[in-house]
């Protein structure tokens, strides 16, 4: 249970959560997707 709490706290910290850079000179967003017979995944980076 400790490992789960540590992971949850890390994912909710300010270093992970931030507003995207939407300035005109910002790098493009990349959307990676994957799907199988039982799951769908997407990552926006």
N, C-alpha and C. Protein backbone atom coordinates (compact mmCIF):
# COMPACT_ATOMS: atom_id res chain seq x y z
N UNK A 1 0.83 -1.19 0.00
CA UNK A 1 0.00 0.00 0.00
C UNK A 1 0.87 1.26 0.00
N UNK A 2 2.02 1.16 0.63
CA UNK A 2 2.93 2.31 0.68
C UNK A 2 3.39 2.69 -0.72
N UNK A 3 3.70 1.69 -1.54
CA UNK A 3 4.15 1.97 -2.91
C UNK A 3 3.06 2.68 -3.70
N UNK A 4 1.81 2.26 -3.54
CA UNK A 4 0.70 2.91 -4.24
C UNK A 4 0.57 4.37 -3.80
N UNK A 5 0.64 4.61 -2.51
CA UNK A 5 0.53 5.98 -2.01
C UNK A 5 1.68 6.85 -2.50
N UNK A 6 2.89 6.30 -2.54
CA UNK A 6 4.03 7.05 -3.06
C UNK A 6 3.84 7.41 -4.52
N UNK A 7 3.37 6.45 -5.32
CA UNK A 7 3.13 6.69 -6.74
C UNK A 7 2.03 7.73 -6.93
N UNK A 8 0.94 7.61 -6.19
CA UNK A 8 -0.15 8.58 -6.28
C UNK A 8 0.33 9.99 -5.94
N UNK A 9 1.10 10.11 -4.88
CA UNK A 9 1.62 11.42 -4.48
C UNK A 9 2.55 12.00 -5.54
N UNK A 10 3.38 11.15 -6.15
CA UNK A 10 4.30 11.63 -7.19
C UNK A 10 3.54 12.11 -8.42
N UNK A 11 2.50 11.38 -8.82
CA UNK A 11 1.73 11.76 -10.01
C UNK A 11 0.90 13.02 -9.79
N UNK A 12 0.57 13.31 -8.56
CA UNK A 12 -0.23 14.49 -8.25
C UNK A 12 0.61 15.69 -7.83
N UNK A 13 1.91 15.57 -7.88
CA UNK A 13 2.77 16.67 -7.44
C UNK A 13 2.86 17.74 -8.53
N UNK A 14 3.27 18.92 -8.13
CA UNK A 14 3.36 20.06 -9.05
C UNK A 14 4.38 19.84 -10.15
N UNK A 15 5.39 19.00 -9.92
CA UNK A 15 6.41 18.76 -10.96
C UNK A 15 5.85 17.94 -12.11
N UNK A 16 4.80 17.20 -11.89
CA UNK A 16 4.17 16.40 -12.94
C UNK A 16 3.03 17.17 -13.60
N UNK A 17 2.19 17.80 -12.80
CA UNK A 17 1.02 18.51 -13.32
C UNK A 17 1.40 19.95 -13.65
N UNK A 18 1.21 20.34 -14.89
CA UNK A 18 1.49 21.72 -15.28
C UNK A 18 0.65 22.07 -16.50
N UNK A 19 0.50 23.35 -16.75
CA UNK A 19 -0.24 23.80 -17.92
C UNK A 19 0.62 23.62 -19.17
N UNK A 20 0.00 23.28 -20.29
CA UNK A 20 0.78 23.10 -21.52
C UNK A 20 1.27 24.44 -22.06
N UNK A 21 2.36 24.39 -22.78
CA UNK A 21 2.91 25.58 -23.44
C UNK A 21 2.23 25.70 -24.80
N UNK A 22 1.33 26.66 -24.95
CA UNK A 22 0.57 26.81 -26.19
C UNK A 22 1.02 28.04 -26.98
N UNK A 23 2.20 28.54 -26.69
CA UNK A 23 2.72 29.69 -27.43
C UNK A 23 2.97 29.30 -28.88
N UNK A 24 2.98 30.28 -29.75
CA UNK A 24 3.15 30.02 -31.19
C UNK A 24 4.47 29.33 -31.49
N UNK A 25 5.52 29.63 -30.72
CA UNK A 25 6.83 29.03 -30.98
C UNK A 25 7.09 27.77 -30.16
N UNK A 26 6.08 27.25 -29.48
CA UNK A 26 6.24 26.05 -28.66
C UNK A 26 6.33 24.81 -29.55
N UNK A 27 6.97 23.76 -29.06
CA UNK A 27 7.01 22.51 -29.83
C UNK A 27 5.61 21.94 -30.01
N UNK A 28 5.44 21.10 -31.03
CA UNK A 28 4.14 20.49 -31.29
C UNK A 28 3.80 19.46 -30.22
N UNK A 29 2.51 19.24 -30.01
CA UNK A 29 2.06 18.15 -29.15
C UNK A 29 2.14 16.85 -29.94
N UNK A 30 2.44 15.77 -29.24
CA UNK A 30 2.49 14.44 -29.86
C UNK A 30 1.47 13.57 -29.15
N UNK A 31 0.58 12.94 -29.90
CA UNK A 31 -0.41 12.03 -29.35
C UNK A 31 -0.05 10.62 -29.78
N UNK A 32 0.31 9.77 -28.82
CA UNK A 32 0.61 8.37 -29.08
C UNK A 32 -0.60 7.55 -28.64
N UNK A 33 -1.06 6.65 -29.50
CA UNK A 33 -2.21 5.81 -29.16
C UNK A 33 -1.87 4.35 -29.38
N UNK A 34 -2.62 3.49 -28.70
CA UNK A 34 -2.44 2.05 -28.82
C UNK A 34 -3.77 1.40 -28.45
N UNK A 35 -4.09 0.31 -29.10
CA UNK A 35 -5.34 -0.38 -28.79
C UNK A 35 -5.14 -1.88 -28.96
N UNK A 36 -5.90 -2.63 -28.20
CA UNK A 36 -5.90 -4.09 -28.32
C UNK A 36 -7.34 -4.56 -28.20
N UNK A 37 -7.52 -5.84 -28.05
CA UNK A 37 -8.86 -6.38 -27.94
C UNK A 37 -9.57 -6.03 -26.64
N UNK A 38 -8.83 -5.54 -25.66
CA UNK A 38 -9.47 -5.26 -24.37
C UNK A 38 -9.07 -3.93 -23.74
N UNK A 39 -8.25 -3.13 -24.40
CA UNK A 39 -7.84 -1.85 -23.80
C UNK A 39 -7.49 -0.83 -24.87
N UNK A 40 -7.62 0.44 -24.51
CA UNK A 40 -7.22 1.55 -25.37
C UNK A 40 -6.34 2.47 -24.52
N UNK A 41 -5.28 2.98 -25.11
CA UNK A 41 -4.34 3.82 -24.39
C UNK A 41 -4.01 5.04 -25.23
N UNK A 42 -3.81 6.18 -24.59
CA UNK A 42 -3.37 7.39 -25.28
C UNK A 42 -2.48 8.19 -24.34
N UNK A 43 -1.42 8.78 -24.91
CA UNK A 43 -0.49 9.62 -24.15
C UNK A 43 -0.27 10.89 -24.94
N UNK A 44 -0.54 12.03 -24.34
CA UNK A 44 -0.29 13.32 -24.95
C UNK A 44 0.99 13.88 -24.37
N UNK A 45 1.97 14.13 -25.24
CA UNK A 45 3.25 14.67 -24.76
C UNK A 45 3.67 15.83 -25.61
